[in-house]
C-alpha cells in the first residue's frame, strides 16, 4: 500500500493523518512528472492526487480513501460516537471541502481577484463550521475523527500562509474570529498527530519552493 501525492495538498495530508492515527505505514511519493502525465493518467484518469495504490486497487479522492482505510483498519475508528456525532464529523468535512478555497493556487499565483474570492470562501466555511460544530477537545466532541483529519491541514495552512507573507494574506485572522475554533487548533497543533502533520506539510512546502526557485 502506498499513497501518490504529497502533503502540499491538504487532501493528501488528510489521508496521511488518517493513516498515522490508525498506525498504518503508508509510504507517500509524488507522481513522477506530475499527476497529468500519460503514465499517471493511464491508471488514474482523474489526474489528481492523492491516489491510494493497494494490491492492484487504484483509488482516488481523499474522502473515499479515508473511508477505505477505515474499512481495512477499523480500529482505532475515525467515526466515533453516536449517529449524531458521526454525522457532524461528515458535515464539517463537507462544509470545508465545499465552501473553503479548493486550493491555495490563487495565493501562490498572486492573483488578487482570485485571492479575494478564496478569502471569502474561507470566511464562509469557517462561519458554517463554527455554527454547526459539536464542541469538545477534538474537531467534533471528545474523540478524534475524520473532521480532525480534514481540518488540521487547512488550519495549518491558514496560519502558515499569514505568517509566511508577514500578514499580507490574513487567512489566520479569519480563524481568530472564532475563539472555539482557534482553541481547537491550539490543542490540535500541540498534539503528536498535529506535530506530524505540520512537519509533513512544512517539508512539502519547502520542497515546492526549492523546486520552483522561489524564496520562502
Protein backbone atom coordinates (compact mmCIF):
# COMPACT_ATOMS: atom_id res chain seq x y z
CA UNK A 1 0.00 0.00 0.00
CA UNK A 2 1.28 3.48 -0.87
CA UNK A 3 -0.05 6.98 -1.40
CA UNK A 4 0.64 9.02 -4.52
CA UNK A 5 0.81 12.71 -3.70
CA UNK A 6 2.44 14.84 -1.03
CA UNK A 7 1.44 16.94 1.95
CA UNK A 8 1.45 20.13 -0.12
CA UNK A 9 -2.09 19.03 -0.95
CA UNK A 10 -4.35 19.32 2.12
CA UNK A 11 -6.30 16.38 0.73
CA UNK A 12 -3.22 14.14 0.58
CA UNK A 13 -2.29 15.36 4.06
CA UNK A 14 -5.76 14.32 5.22
CA UNK A 15 -5.07 10.75 4.17
CA UNK A 16 -1.61 10.81 5.75
CA UNK A 17 -3.12 11.95 9.06
CA UNK A 18 -5.80 9.25 8.93
CA UNK A 19 -3.18 6.57 8.31
CA UNK A 20 -0.98 7.91 11.10
CA UNK A 21 -3.91 7.84 13.55
CA UNK A 22 -4.56 4.21 12.67
CA UNK A 23 -0.90 3.25 12.93
CA UNK A 24 -0.81 2.27 9.26
CA UNK A 25 2.53 2.53 7.45
CA UNK A 26 1.61 4.45 4.30
CA UNK A 27 4.62 5.49 2.21
CA UNK A 28 3.92 8.64 0.20
CA UNK A 29 5.52 9.59 -3.10
CA UNK A 30 4.86 12.27 -5.68
CA UNK A 31 3.83 11.11 -9.17
CA UNK A 32 6.87 11.21 -11.41
CA UNK A 33 6.44 14.16 -13.74
CA UNK A 34 3.23 15.24 -12.02
CA UNK A 35 -0.36 13.96 -11.91
CA UNK A 36 -1.14 14.89 -15.53
CA UNK A 37 1.49 12.70 -17.16
CA UNK A 38 0.38 9.95 -19.51
CA UNK A 39 1.74 7.31 -17.13
CA UNK A 40 -0.29 8.62 -14.19
CA UNK A 41 -3.42 9.22 -16.28
CA UNK A 42 -3.30 5.65 -17.57
CA UNK A 43 -4.07 4.36 -14.07
CA UNK A 44 -5.92 7.41 -12.76
CA UNK A 45 -7.72 9.38 -15.50
CA UNK A 46 -8.98 11.84 -12.85
CA UNK A 47 -5.45 13.24 -12.97
CA UNK A 48 -5.38 14.44 -9.38
CA UNK A 49 -3.73 13.43 -6.12
CA UNK A 50 -3.98 11.80 -3.68
CA UNK A 51 -4.32 8.29 -5.05
CA UNK A 52 -4.06 5.15 -2.95
CA UNK A 53 -2.42 2.09 -4.51
CA UNK A 54 -3.18 -1.17 -2.74
CA UNK A 55 -2.62 -4.58 -4.32
CA UNK A 56 -3.96 -3.61 -7.75
CA UNK A 57 -6.54 -1.15 -6.41
CA UNK A 58 -6.15 2.42 -7.66
CA UNK A 59 -8.33 4.68 -5.53
CA UNK A 60 -8.57 8.48 -5.94
CA UNK A 61 -10.47 11.05 -3.82
CA UNK A 62 -9.33 11.68 -0.26
CA UNK A 63 -12.66 11.04 1.48
CA UNK A 64 -13.07 7.73 -0.32
CA UNK A 65 -9.51 6.76 0.58
CA UNK A 66 -10.09 7.60 4.25
CA UNK A 67 -13.28 5.51 4.25
CA UNK A 68 -11.33 2.64 2.67
CA UNK A 69 -8.70 2.88 5.40
CA UNK A 70 -11.50 2.79 7.97
CA UNK A 71 -12.88 -0.39 6.42
CA UNK A 72 -9.45 -2.02 6.12
CA UNK A 73 -8.28 -0.97 9.58
CA UNK A 74 -11.39 -0.40 11.73
CA UNK A 75 -9.56 0.40 14.97
CA UNK A 76 -8.96 2.99 16.17
CA UNK A 77 -12.02 4.31 14.41
CA UNK A 78 -12.28 7.65 12.63
CA UNK A 79 -16.08 7.56 13.02
CA UNK A 80 -16.54 7.56 16.80
CA UNK A 81 -19.56 8.25 18.96
CA UNK A 82 -23.24 8.03 18.11
CA UNK A 83 -25.02 8.73 14.83
CA UNK A 84 -25.24 12.46 15.59
CA UNK A 85 -21.53 12.81 16.27
CA UNK A 86 -20.59 10.81 13.18
CA UNK A 87 -22.95 12.90 11.04
CA UNK A 88 -21.40 16.08 12.45
CA UNK A 89 -17.90 14.87 11.57
CA UNK A 90 -19.03 14.20 8.00
CA UNK A 91 -20.78 17.57 7.86
CA UNK A 92 -17.73 19.57 8.94
CA UNK A 93 -15.63 17.77 6.35
CA UNK A 94 -18.18 18.52 3.63
CA UNK A 95 -18.50 22.17 4.68
CA UNK A 96 -14.74 22.60 4.49
CA UNK A 97 -14.46 20.91 1.10
CA UNK A 98 -17.48 22.61 -0.43
CA UNK A 99 -17.17 26.17 0.82
CA UNK A 100 -13.49 26.74 1.54
CA UNK A 101 -10.99 27.54 -1.18
CA UNK A 102 -10.49 24.29 -3.13
CA UNK A 103 -6.77 25.01 -3.37
CA UNK A 104 -4.25 27.66 -2.44
CA UNK A 105 -3.33 28.32 -6.05
CA UNK A 106 -4.55 31.95 -6.08
CA UNK A 107 -2.18 32.82 -3.24
CA UNK A 108 0.78 31.17 -4.97
CA UNK A 109 -0.11 32.80 -8.29
CA UNK A 110 -0.60 36.23 -6.71
CA UNK A 111 -3.97 36.64 -8.46
CA UNK A 112 -5.65 39.44 -6.49
CA UNK A 113 -9.15 38.82 -7.83
CA UNK A 114 -8.99 35.10 -7.16
CA UNK A 115 -7.41 35.73 -3.76
CA UNK A 116 -10.41 37.84 -2.78
CA UNK A 117 -12.72 35.01 -3.86
CA UNK A 118 -10.66 32.47 -1.92
CA UNK A 119 -10.67 34.63 1.22
CA UNK A 120 -14.45 34.91 1.08
CA UNK A 121 -14.82 31.17 0.62
CA UNK A 122 -12.56 30.52 3.60
CA UNK A 123 -14.53 33.02 5.70
CA UNK A 124 -17.80 31.36 4.73
CA UNK A 125 -16.56 27.86 5.53
CA UNK A 126 -15.25 28.90 8.96
CA UNK A 127 -18.56 30.55 9.81
CA UNK A 128 -20.51 27.45 8.83
CA UNK A 129 -18.13 25.10 10.65
CA UNK A 130 -18.24 27.17 13.84
CA UNK A 131 -22.05 27.24 13.71
CA UNK A 132 -22.57 23.51 13.28
CA UNK A 133 -19.61 22.11 15.21
CA UNK A 134 -20.17 19.97 18.31
CA UNK A 135 -17.73 21.49 20.76
CA UNK A 136 -15.16 19.42 22.62
CA UNK A 137 -11.46 18.53 22.79
CA UNK A 138 -11.38 17.49 19.14
CA UNK A 139 -12.97 18.87 15.99
CA UNK A 140 -16.21 17.07 16.89
CA UNK A 141 -16.74 16.36 20.58
CA UNK A 142 -14.22 14.44 22.62
CA UNK A 143 -12.91 11.88 20.11
CA UNK A 144 -10.56 12.18 17.14
CA UNK A 145 -12.41 11.80 13.83
CA UNK A 146 -12.36 12.37 10.10
CA UNK A 147 -13.11 16.03 10.85
CA UNK A 148 -9.73 16.44 12.57
CA UNK A 149 -8.03 14.77 9.59
CA UNK A 150 -9.70 17.26 7.26
CA UNK A 151 -9.33 20.45 9.30
CA UNK A 152 -5.73 20.11 10.52
CA UNK A 153 -4.04 20.64 7.11
CA UNK A 154 -6.21 23.62 6.24
CA UNK A 155 -5.79 25.35 9.60
CA UNK A 156 -2.03 24.85 9.49
CA UNK A 157 -2.00 26.44 6.05
CA UNK A 158 -4.24 29.32 7.17
CA UNK A 159 -1.76 30.08 9.96
CA UNK A 160 1.37 29.42 7.93
CA UNK A 161 0.27 31.48 4.95
CA UNK A 162 -0.34 34.56 7.08
CA UNK A 163 2.97 34.13 8.89
CA UNK A 164 4.96 33.42 5.74
CA UNK A 165 3.60 36.53 3.98
CA UNK A 166 4.10 38.68 7.09
CA UNK A 167 0.38 39.32 7.32
CA UNK A 168 -0.26 40.17 3.70
CA UNK A 169 -2.80 37.35 3.42
CA UNK A 170 -4.79 37.48 6.65
CA UNK A 171 -6.04 33.91 6.49
CA UNK A 172 -5.42 33.19 10.17
CA UNK A 173 -7.18 36.39 11.24
CA UNK A 174 -10.30 34.73 9.84
CA UNK A 175 -9.77 31.84 12.29
CA UNK A 176 -9.27 34.26 15.19
CA UNK A 177 -12.84 35.47 14.72
CA UNK A 178 -13.99 32.12 16.14
CA UNK A 179 -12.48 31.50 19.60
CA UNK A 180 -13.75 27.91 19.83
CA UNK A 181 -12.14 27.00 16.51
CA UNK A 182 -8.93 28.76 17.44
CA UNK A 183 -8.86 26.91 20.78
CA UNK A 184 -9.36 23.60 18.97
CA UNK A 185 -6.48 24.43 16.63
CA UNK A 186 -4.14 25.31 19.50
CA UNK A 187 -4.84 21.88 21.02
CA UNK A 188 -4.57 20.09 17.69
CA UNK A 189 -1.25 21.59 16.64
CA UNK A 190 0.28 20.82 20.03
CA UNK A 191 -0.67 17.13 19.77
CA UNK A 192 1.58 14.38 18.42
CA UNK A 193 -0.52 13.94 15.31
CA UNK A 194 -0.69 17.69 14.81
CA UNK A 195 3.10 17.91 15.01
CA UNK A 196 3.37 15.08 12.47
CA UNK A 197 1.03 16.85 10.05
CA UNK A 198 2.71 20.23 10.44
CA UNK A 199 6.16 18.77 9.83
CA UNK A 200 4.98 16.92 6.72
CA UNK A 201 3.25 19.98 5.29
CA UNK A 202 6.17 22.30 6.05
CA UNK A 203 8.60 19.89 4.37
CA UNK A 204 6.37 19.71 1.28
CA UNK A 205 6.10 23.50 1.12
CA UNK A 206 9.88 23.89 1.42
CA UNK A 207 10.40 21.31 -1.33
CA UNK A 208 7.93 23.14 -3.58
CA UNK A 209 9.75 26.46 -3.21
CA UNK A 210 13.10 24.74 -3.72
CA UNK A 211 11.86 23.22 -6.98
CA UNK A 212 10.38 26.49 -8.17
CA UNK A 213 13.41 28.57 -7.18
CA UNK A 214 11.15 30.98 -5.31
CA UNK A 215 12.08 32.30 -1.87
CA UNK A 216 10.01 31.07 1.07
